[in-house]
Amino acid sequence: MNKLRSMRMLQRTMLVATLALAIGCTPLIRNHGYIPPDEDLTRIVVGQDTRESVRALVGPPSADGVQRGGDYYYVQSTFRTLGFFAPEEIERQVLAIRFNESGVVTNIERYGLEEGQVVVLFRRVTDTGVQDTTFIRQLLQSIGRIDPGQFLGSDS
């Protein structure tokens, strides 16, 4: 009787472990961003609609162009997370609505993940000249460089 009970307990434990493993390996799909549907995009007339009318028709953009009054960009990404692994971007769409100087639509373009490129961002920062050096190390390294005459007020 005791052996039968332990066998059933082992079966239940194995069933729970198998279910937990199956649930843990199920991919989690997350969507970020917004791309207007094609029905809304067909209502935009190139050469006629303006920034204001585009905003009214399809909503505000995810990002504006670099310059004030620049182009509109709508971005949507889909990420898949599997277990404890890092999320992986499996789909990306970028919709660019371009405007001329007068603010009238000149072009509507759509890009996918296959057109995506890694963009290296640079920042201009003044170099401190200190690399991986702690304050204590700097203090100890400067001990031999101190001229006692600086503190005594002697003229050199």
N, C-alpha and C. Protein backbone atom coordinates (compact mmCIF):
# COMPACT_ATOMS: atom_id res chain seq x y z
N MET A 1 0.81 -1.20 0.00
CA MET A 1 0.00 0.00 0.00
C MET A 1 0.86 1.26 0.00
N ASN A 2 1.93 1.26 0.79
CA ASN A 2 2.82 2.41 0.86
C ASN A 2 3.53 2.64 -0.46
N LYS A 3 3.87 1.56 -1.14
CA LYS A 3 4.55 1.67 -2.44
C LYS A 3 3.61 2.26 -3.49
N LEU A 4 2.34 1.88 -3.44
CA LEU A 4 1.35 2.41 -4.37
C LEU A 4 1.15 3.92 -4.15
N ARG A 5 1.12 4.33 -2.90
CA ARG A 5 0.96 5.75 -2.57
C ARG A 5 2.15 6.57 -3.07
N SER A 6 3.35 6.07 -2.88
CA SER A 6 4.54 6.79 -3.34
C SER A 6 4.60 6.83 -4.87
N MET A 7 4.10 5.79 -5.53
CA MET A 7 4.07 5.77 -7.00
C MET A 7 3.10 6.84 -7.52
N ARG A 8 1.94 6.98 -6.88
CA ARG A 8 0.97 8.00 -7.29
C ARG A 8 1.53 9.41 -7.04
N MET A 9 2.21 9.56 -5.92
CA MET A 9 2.82 10.86 -5.61
C MET A 9 3.88 11.21 -6.65
N LEU A 10 4.67 10.24 -7.06
CA LEU A 10 5.69 10.46 -8.09
C LEU A 10 5.04 10.84 -9.42
N GLN A 11 3.93 10.18 -9.77
CA GLN A 11 3.23 10.49 -11.01
C GLN A 11 2.69 11.93 -10.99
N ARG A 12 2.10 12.32 -9.87
CA ARG A 12 1.57 13.68 -9.74
C ARG A 12 2.69 14.71 -9.83
N THR A 13 3.80 14.42 -9.17
CA THR A 13 4.94 15.33 -9.21
C THR A 13 5.47 15.47 -10.63
N MET A 14 5.56 14.37 -11.34
CA MET A 14 6.03 14.41 -12.74
C MET A 14 5.06 15.19 -13.62
N LEU A 15 3.75 15.03 -13.38
CA LEU A 15 2.75 15.75 -14.15
C LEU A 15 2.86 17.26 -13.91
N VAL A 16 2.99 17.65 -12.65
CA VAL A 16 3.12 19.07 -12.31
C VAL A 16 4.41 19.64 -12.90
N ALA A 17 5.51 18.89 -12.82
CA ALA A 17 6.78 19.36 -13.38
C ALA A 17 6.69 19.51 -14.89
N THR A 18 6.04 18.57 -15.56
CA THR A 18 5.88 18.64 -17.02
C THR A 18 5.02 19.85 -17.41
N LEU A 19 3.93 20.08 -16.68
CA LEU A 19 3.09 21.25 -16.96
C LEU A 19 3.84 22.55 -16.72
N ALA A 20 4.60 22.62 -15.64
CA ALA A 20 5.38 23.83 -15.35
C ALA A 20 6.41 24.09 -16.44
N LEU A 21 7.06 23.04 -16.91
CA LEU A 21 8.05 23.18 -17.97
C LEU A 21 7.39 23.64 -19.27
N ALA A 22 6.22 23.08 -19.58
CA ALA A 22 5.51 23.46 -20.81
C ALA A 22 5.05 24.92 -20.74
N ILE A 23 4.57 25.34 -19.59
CA ILE A 23 4.12 26.73 -19.45
C ILE A 23 5.31 27.68 -19.50
N GLY A 24 6.43 27.31 -18.90
CA GLY A 24 7.62 28.16 -18.90
C GLY A 24 8.24 28.31 -20.27
N CYS A 25 8.02 27.36 -21.16
CA CYS A 25 8.61 27.43 -22.50
C CYS A 25 7.64 28.00 -23.53
N THR A 26 6.49 28.46 -23.10
CA THR A 26 5.53 29.06 -24.01
C THR A 26 5.97 30.49 -24.32
N PRO A 27 6.06 30.85 -25.60
CA PRO A 27 6.52 32.20 -25.93
C PRO A 27 5.50 33.25 -25.50
N LEU A 28 6.01 34.37 -25.03
CA LEU A 28 5.20 35.52 -24.65
C LEU A 28 5.39 36.58 -25.74
N ILE A 29 4.30 37.00 -26.37
CA ILE A 29 4.35 37.97 -27.46
C ILE A 29 3.85 39.31 -26.94
N ARG A 30 4.65 40.38 -27.16
CA ARG A 30 4.29 41.74 -26.74
C ARG A 30 4.36 42.67 -27.94
N ASN A 31 3.37 43.53 -28.06
CA ASN A 31 3.33 44.53 -29.12
C ASN A 31 3.55 45.91 -28.52
N HIS A 32 4.38 46.71 -29.16
CA HIS A 32 4.66 48.07 -28.72
C HIS A 32 4.46 49.01 -29.89
N GLY A 33 3.90 50.17 -29.62
CA GLY A 33 3.77 51.19 -30.66
C GLY A 33 2.45 51.11 -31.41
N TYR A 34 2.35 51.94 -32.44
CA TYR A 34 1.11 52.06 -33.20
C TYR A 34 1.42 52.40 -34.65
N ILE A 35 0.81 51.65 -35.56
CA ILE A 35 0.83 51.95 -36.99
C ILE A 35 -0.63 52.13 -37.41
N PRO A 36 -0.97 53.23 -38.06
CA PRO A 36 -2.36 53.41 -38.49
C PRO A 36 -2.75 52.32 -39.48
N PRO A 37 -4.01 51.87 -39.42
CA PRO A 37 -4.46 50.84 -40.38
C PRO A 37 -4.47 51.38 -41.81
N ASP A 38 -4.41 50.46 -42.76
CA ASP A 38 -4.37 50.85 -44.18
C ASP A 38 -5.60 51.65 -44.59
N GLU A 39 -6.76 51.36 -43.98
CA GLU A 39 -7.98 52.11 -44.32
C GLU A 39 -7.80 53.60 -44.01
N ASP A 40 -7.14 53.90 -42.89
CA ASP A 40 -6.91 55.31 -42.54
C ASP A 40 -5.87 55.94 -43.46
N LEU A 41 -4.86 55.17 -43.84
CA LEU A 41 -3.80 55.71 -44.71
C LEU A 41 -4.32 56.04 -46.10
N THR A 42 -5.30 55.28 -46.58
CA THR A 42 -5.84 55.56 -47.92
C THR A 42 -6.61 56.88 -47.95
N ARG A 43 -7.01 57.39 -46.80
CA ARG A 43 -7.72 58.68 -46.75
C ARG A 43 -6.76 59.86 -46.83
N ILE A 44 -5.45 59.62 -46.65
CA ILE A 44 -4.47 60.71 -46.76
C ILE A 44 -4.18 60.95 -48.23
N VAL A 45 -4.33 62.18 -48.68
CA VAL A 45 -4.10 62.54 -50.08
C VAL A 45 -2.75 63.24 -50.17
N VAL A 46 -1.80 62.59 -50.89
CA VAL A 46 -0.47 63.17 -51.08
C VAL A 46 -0.60 64.44 -51.92
N GLY A 47 0.04 65.51 -51.47
CA GLY A 47 -0.02 66.78 -52.17
C GLY A 47 -1.16 67.67 -51.73
N GLN A 48 -2.02 67.16 -50.85
CA GLN A 48 -3.17 67.94 -50.40
C GLN A 48 -3.25 68.04 -48.88
N ASP A 49 -3.10 66.92 -48.19
CA ASP A 49 -3.22 66.92 -46.72
C ASP A 49 -2.02 67.59 -46.06
N THR A 50 -2.26 68.17 -44.89
CA THR A 50 -1.23 68.87 -44.13
C THR A 50 -0.95 68.11 -42.83
N ARG A 51 0.02 68.62 -42.06
CA ARG A 51 0.34 67.99 -40.77
C ARG A 51 -0.89 67.89 -39.88
N GLU A 52 -1.66 68.96 -39.82
CA GLU A 52 -2.84 68.98 -38.95
C GLU A 52 -3.88 67.97 -39.41
N SER A 53 -4.12 67.88 -40.72
CA SER A 53 -5.14 66.94 -41.20
C SER A 53 -4.67 65.50 -41.03
N VAL A 54 -3.37 65.24 -41.19
CA VAL A 54 -2.84 63.88 -40.97
C VAL A 54 -3.00 63.50 -39.51
N ARG A 55 -2.68 64.43 -38.62
CA ARG A 55 -2.83 64.16 -37.17
C ARG A 55 -4.29 63.88 -36.83
N ALA A 56 -5.21 64.60 -37.47
CA ALA A 56 -6.64 64.38 -37.22
C ALA A 56 -7.11 63.05 -37.80
N LEU A 57 -6.56 62.64 -38.96
CA LEU A 57 -7.00 61.40 -39.61
C LEU A 57 -6.45 60.15 -38.95
N VAL A 58 -5.16 60.13 -38.63
CA VAL A 58 -4.52 58.89 -38.15
C VAL A 58 -3.97 58.99 -36.74
N GLY A 59 -4.05 60.15 -36.11
CA GLY A 59 -3.56 60.28 -34.74
C GLY A 59 -2.15 60.84 -34.70
N PRO A 60 -1.70 61.19 -33.50
CA PRO A 60 -0.36 61.77 -33.36
C PRO A 60 0.72 60.72 -33.65
N PRO A 61 1.87 61.15 -34.16
CA PRO A 61 2.94 60.20 -34.49
C PRO A 61 3.66 59.69 -33.25
N SER A 62 4.34 58.54 -33.41
CA SER A 62 5.19 58.02 -32.34
C SER A 62 6.37 58.94 -32.13
N ALA A 63 6.86 59.52 -33.22
CA ALA A 63 8.01 60.44 -33.15
C ALA A 63 7.91 61.44 -34.29
N ASP A 64 8.34 62.66 -34.00
CA ASP A 64 8.44 63.68 -35.04
C ASP A 64 9.84 63.64 -35.62
N GLY A 65 10.02 64.33 -36.74
CA GLY A 65 11.35 64.42 -37.33
C GLY A 65 12.29 65.18 -36.43
N VAL A 66 13.56 65.17 -36.78
CA VAL A 66 14.58 65.81 -35.97
C VAL A 66 14.34 67.31 -35.86
N GLN A 67 13.99 67.93 -36.96
CA GLN A 67 13.75 69.37 -36.95
C GLN A 67 12.30 69.64 -36.57
N ARG A 68 12.10 70.81 -36.00
CA ARG A 68 10.73 71.20 -35.65
C ARG A 68 9.91 71.27 -36.93
N GLY A 69 8.74 70.66 -36.89
CA GLY A 69 7.92 70.64 -38.09
C GLY A 69 8.42 69.63 -39.09
N GLY A 70 9.13 68.59 -38.63
CA GLY A 70 9.68 67.57 -39.52
C GLY A 70 8.64 66.52 -39.88
N ASP A 71 9.12 65.41 -40.38
CA ASP A 71 8.26 64.32 -40.82
C ASP A 71 7.65 63.60 -39.62
N TYR A 72 6.59 62.81 -39.89
CA TYR A 72 5.93 62.01 -38.85
C TYR A 72 6.39 60.57 -39.00
N TYR A 73 6.66 59.92 -37.87
CA TYR A 73 7.07 58.52 -37.86
C TYR A 73 6.17 57.75 -36.90
N TYR A 74 5.59 56.66 -37.41
CA TYR A 74 4.79 55.76 -36.59
C TYR A 74 5.56 54.44 -36.53
N VAL A 75 5.80 53.93 -35.33
CA VAL A 75 6.63 52.74 -35.16
C VAL A 75 5.86 51.71 -34.35
N GLN A 76 5.89 50.46 -34.84
CA GLN A 76 5.28 49.34 -34.11
C GLN A 76 6.25 48.17 -34.14
N SER A 77 6.48 47.57 -32.98
CA SER A 77 7.38 46.42 -32.87
C SER A 77 6.68 45.29 -32.15
N THR A 78 7.04 44.06 -32.52
CA THR A 78 6.55 42.86 -31.85
C THR A 78 7.74 42.11 -31.29
N PHE A 79 7.68 41.80 -29.99
CA PHE A 79 8.77 41.11 -29.30
C PHE A 79 8.28 39.75 -28.82
N ARG A 80 9.18 38.75 -28.89
CA ARG A 80 8.88 37.41 -28.38
C ARG A 80 9.87 37.10 -27.26
N THR A 81 9.33 36.69 -26.11
CA THR A 81 10.16 36.27 -24.98
C THR A 81 9.90 34.80 -24.74
N LEU A 82 10.96 34.01 -24.72
CA LEU A 82 10.84 32.58 -24.51
C LEU A 82 11.59 32.21 -23.23
N GLY A 83 10.84 31.86 -22.21
CA GLY A 83 11.45 31.46 -20.94
C GLY A 83 12.28 32.58 -20.34
N PHE A 84 13.50 32.24 -19.96
CA PHE A 84 14.38 33.22 -19.31
C PHE A 84 15.28 33.94 -20.31
N PHE A 85 15.13 33.67 -21.60
CA PHE A 85 15.96 34.32 -22.61
C PHE A 85 15.55 35.78 -22.79
N ALA A 86 16.46 36.58 -23.31
CA ALA A 86 16.18 38.00 -23.57
C ALA A 86 15.12 38.12 -24.66
N PRO A 87 14.28 39.16 -24.60
CA PRO A 87 13.27 39.36 -25.64
C PRO A 87 13.92 39.54 -27.01
N GLU A 88 13.26 39.01 -28.03
CA GLU A 88 13.76 39.11 -29.41
C GLU A 88 12.72 39.85 -30.25
N GLU A 89 13.18 40.85 -30.99
CA GLU A 89 12.27 41.59 -31.86
C GLU A 89 12.04 40.76 -33.12
N ILE A 90 10.79 40.36 -33.34
CA ILE A 90 10.50 39.50 -34.48
C ILE A 90 9.82 40.25 -35.62
N GLU A 91 9.29 41.44 -35.33
CA GLU A 91 8.67 42.23 -36.39
C GLU A 91 8.76 43.71 -36.02
N ARG A 92 9.04 44.53 -37.02
CA ARG A 92 9.05 45.99 -36.82
C ARG A 92 8.51 46.64 -38.09
N GLN A 93 7.65 47.61 -37.89
CA GLN A 93 7.15 48.41 -39.01
C GLN A 93 7.36 49.87 -38.66
N VAL A 94 7.85 50.62 -39.62
CA VAL A 94 8.00 52.06 -39.47
C VAL A 94 7.26 52.71 -40.63
N LEU A 95 6.35 53.59 -40.31
CA LEU A 95 5.61 54.33 -41.31
C LEU A 95 6.10 55.77 -41.26
N ALA A 96 6.63 56.25 -42.38
CA ALA A 96 7.15 57.62 -42.45
C ALA A 96 6.24 58.43 -43.36
N ILE A 97 5.71 59.51 -42.83
CA ILE A 97 4.92 60.44 -43.63
C ILE A 97 5.74 61.71 -43.76
N ARG A 98 6.14 62.02 -44.99
CA ARG A 98 7.05 63.13 -45.25
C ARG A 98 6.26 64.36 -45.70
N PHE A 99 6.76 65.53 -45.27
CA PHE A 99 6.13 66.81 -45.58
C PHE A 99 7.13 67.73 -46.26
N ASN A 100 6.63 68.65 -47.08
CA ASN A 100 7.51 69.67 -47.66
C ASN A 100 7.59 70.87 -46.72
N GLU A 101 8.23 71.94 -47.17
CA GLU A 101 8.42 73.13 -46.32
C GLU A 101 7.10 73.77 -45.93
N SER A 102 6.07 73.60 -46.75
CA SER A 102 4.76 74.19 -46.47
C SER A 102 3.92 73.33 -45.54
N GLY A 103 4.42 72.13 -45.21
CA GLY A 103 3.67 71.24 -44.32
C GLY A 103 2.67 70.36 -45.04
N VAL A 104 2.84 70.18 -46.36
CA VAL A 104 1.94 69.35 -47.16
C VAL A 104 2.60 67.98 -47.37
N VAL A 105 1.81 66.91 -47.31
CA VAL A 105 2.32 65.54 -47.47
C VAL A 105 2.95 65.37 -48.85
N THR A 106 4.20 64.87 -48.88
CA THR A 106 4.87 64.60 -50.16
C THR A 106 5.06 63.11 -50.41
N ASN A 107 5.09 62.30 -49.36
CA ASN A 107 5.34 60.87 -49.55
C ASN A 107 4.92 60.11 -48.30
N ILE A 108 4.49 58.86 -48.51
CA ILE A 108 4.18 57.95 -47.41
C ILE A 108 4.97 56.68 -47.67
N GLU A 109 5.85 56.31 -46.72
CA GLU A 109 6.71 55.14 -46.90
C GLU A 109 6.55 54.21 -45.70
N ARG A 110 6.69 52.91 -45.97
CA ARG A 110 6.61 51.91 -44.91
C ARG A 110 7.88 51.06 -44.97
N TYR A 111 8.50 50.86 -43.81
CA TYR A 111 9.71 50.06 -43.70
C TYR A 111 9.45 48.89 -42.76
N GLY A 112 10.17 47.80 -42.99
CA GLY A 112 10.06 46.63 -42.13
C GLY A 112 11.36 46.36 -41.41
N LEU A 113 11.37 45.28 -40.64
CA LEU A 113 12.56 44.91 -39.87
C LEU A 113 13.72 44.59 -40.80
N GLU A 114 13.45 44.08 -41.98
CA GLU A 114 14.53 43.74 -42.90
C GLU A 114 15.26 44.97 -43.40
N GLU A 115 14.62 46.15 -43.38
CA GLU A 115 15.31 47.38 -43.76
C GLU A 115 16.01 48.04 -42.58
N GLY A 116 15.77 47.54 -41.37
CA GLY A 116 16.34 48.14 -40.18
C GLY A 116 17.85 47.96 -40.12
N GLN A 117 18.52 48.97 -39.65
CA GLN A 117 19.97 48.91 -39.51
C GLN A 117 20.33 49.40 -38.12
N VAL A 118 21.43 48.89 -37.61
CA VAL A 118 21.92 49.36 -36.33
C VAL A 118 22.54 50.73 -36.55
N VAL A 119 22.07 51.71 -35.81
CA VAL A 119 22.57 53.07 -35.92
C VAL A 119 23.45 53.35 -34.71
N VAL A 120 24.69 53.69 -34.96
CA VAL A 120 25.61 54.01 -33.88
C VAL A 120 25.41 55.46 -33.50
N LEU A 121 25.08 55.70 -32.26
CA LEU A 121 24.90 57.06 -31.78
C LEU A 121 26.18 57.55 -31.16
N PHE A 122 26.60 58.73 -31.54
CA PHE A 122 27.80 59.33 -30.97
C PHE A 122 27.37 60.46 -30.05
N ARG A 123 28.15 60.68 -29.03
CA ARG A 123 27.92 61.83 -28.20
C ARG A 123 29.24 62.51 -27.96
N ARG A 124 29.21 63.80 -27.96
CA ARG A 124 30.44 64.57 -27.78
C ARG A 124 30.55 64.93 -26.31
N VAL A 125 31.55 64.34 -25.67
CA VAL A 125 31.77 64.55 -24.25
C VAL A 125 33.22 64.95 -24.06
N THR A 126 33.45 65.91 -23.20
CA THR A 126 34.82 66.31 -22.89
C THR A 126 35.52 65.18 -22.17
N ASP A 127 36.68 64.77 -22.67
CA ASP A 127 37.44 63.68 -22.07
C ASP A 127 38.10 64.16 -20.78
N THR A 128 37.93 63.38 -19.72
CA THR A 128 38.50 63.77 -18.43
C THR A 128 39.96 63.37 -18.33
N GLY A 129 40.41 62.48 -19.18
CA GLY A 129 41.79 62.01 -19.11
C GLY A 129 42.00 60.96 -18.03
N VAL A 130 40.96 60.62 -17.31
CA VAL A 130 41.05 59.62 -16.24
C VAL A 130 40.32 58.37 -16.72
N GLN A 131 41.04 57.26 -16.74
CA GLN A 131 40.44 56.02 -17.20
C GLN A 131 40.62 54.95 -16.14
N ASP A 132 39.53 54.46 -15.60
CA ASP A 132 39.54 53.39 -14.60
C ASP A 132 40.50 53.66 -13.46
N THR A 133 40.56 54.86 -12.98
CA THR A 133 41.44 55.21 -11.88
C THR A 133 40.59 55.76 -10.75
N THR A 134 40.74 55.17 -9.57
CA THR A 134 39.96 55.64 -8.43
C THR A 134 40.61 56.87 -7.82
N PHE A 135 39.88 57.55 -6.97
CA PHE A 135 40.38 58.76 -6.32
C PHE A 135 41.60 58.44 -5.46
N ILE A 136 41.56 57.34 -4.71
CA ILE A 136 42.69 56.96 -3.84
C ILE A 136 43.94 56.72 -4.67
N ARG A 137 43.80 56.01 -5.79
CA ARG A 137 44.95 55.73 -6.65
C ARG A 137 45.54 57.02 -7.19
N GLN A 138 44.67 57.96 -7.62
CA GLN A 138 45.16 59.25 -8.11
C GLN A 138 45.92 59.98 -7.02
N LEU A 139 45.40 59.94 -5.80
CA LEU A 139 46.04 60.61 -4.67
C LEU A 139 47.41 60.01 -4.39
N LEU A 140 47.50 58.68 -4.38
CA LEU A 140 48.77 58.01 -4.11
C LEU A 140 49.77 58.24 -5.24
N GLN A 141 49.30 58.30 -6.48
CA GLN A 141 50.21 58.52 -7.61
C GLN A 141 50.77 59.93 -7.62
N SER A 142 50.06 60.88 -7.03
CA SER A 142 50.52 62.27 -7.08
C SER A 142 51.42 62.64 -5.89
N ILE A 143 51.71 61.70 -4.98
CA ILE A 143 52.53 62.02 -3.81
C ILE A 143 53.92 62.51 -4.22
N GLY A 144 54.56 61.87 -5.14
CA GLY A 144 55.91 62.25 -5.55
C GLY A 144 55.95 63.51 -6.39
N ARG A 145 54.83 64.01 -6.86
CA ARG A 145 54.79 65.16 -7.75
C ARG A 145 54.61 66.48 -6.99
N ILE A 146 54.43 66.42 -5.71
CA ILE A 146 54.19 67.64 -4.94
C ILE A 146 55.52 68.34 -4.66
N ASP A 147 55.56 69.62 -4.93
CA ASP A 147 56.74 70.44 -4.66
C ASP A 147 56.50 71.19 -3.35
N PRO A 148 57.29 70.89 -2.29
CA PRO A 148 57.06 71.55 -1.00
C PRO A 148 57.18 73.06 -1.09
N GLY A 149 57.88 73.57 -2.08
CA GLY A 149 58.04 75.01 -2.23
C GLY A 149 56.72 75.70 -2.52
N GLN A 150 55.79 74.98 -3.09
CA GLN A 150 54.48 75.57 -3.37
C GLN A 150 53.75 75.94 -2.08
N PHE A 151 53.98 75.16 -1.03
CA PHE A 151 53.28 75.40 0.23
C PHE A 151 54.03 76.38 1.13
N LEU A 152 55.35 76.49 0.95
CA LEU A 152 56.16 77.34 1.81
C LEU A 152 56.24 78.77 1.30
N GLY A 153 55.80 78.98 0.07
CA GLY A 153 55.79 80.32 -0.47
C GLY A 153 57.14 80.76 -1.01
N SER A 154 58.05 79.84 -1.28
CA SER A 154 59.35 80.22 -1.82
C SER A 154 59.22 80.51 -3.30
N ASP A 155 59.99 81.48 -3.76
CA ASP A 155 59.98 81.86 -5.17
C ASP A 155 60.90 80.92 -5.95
N SER A 156 60.48 80.52 -7.10
CA SER A 156 61.31 79.64 -7.91
C SER A 156 62.00 80.41 -8.98
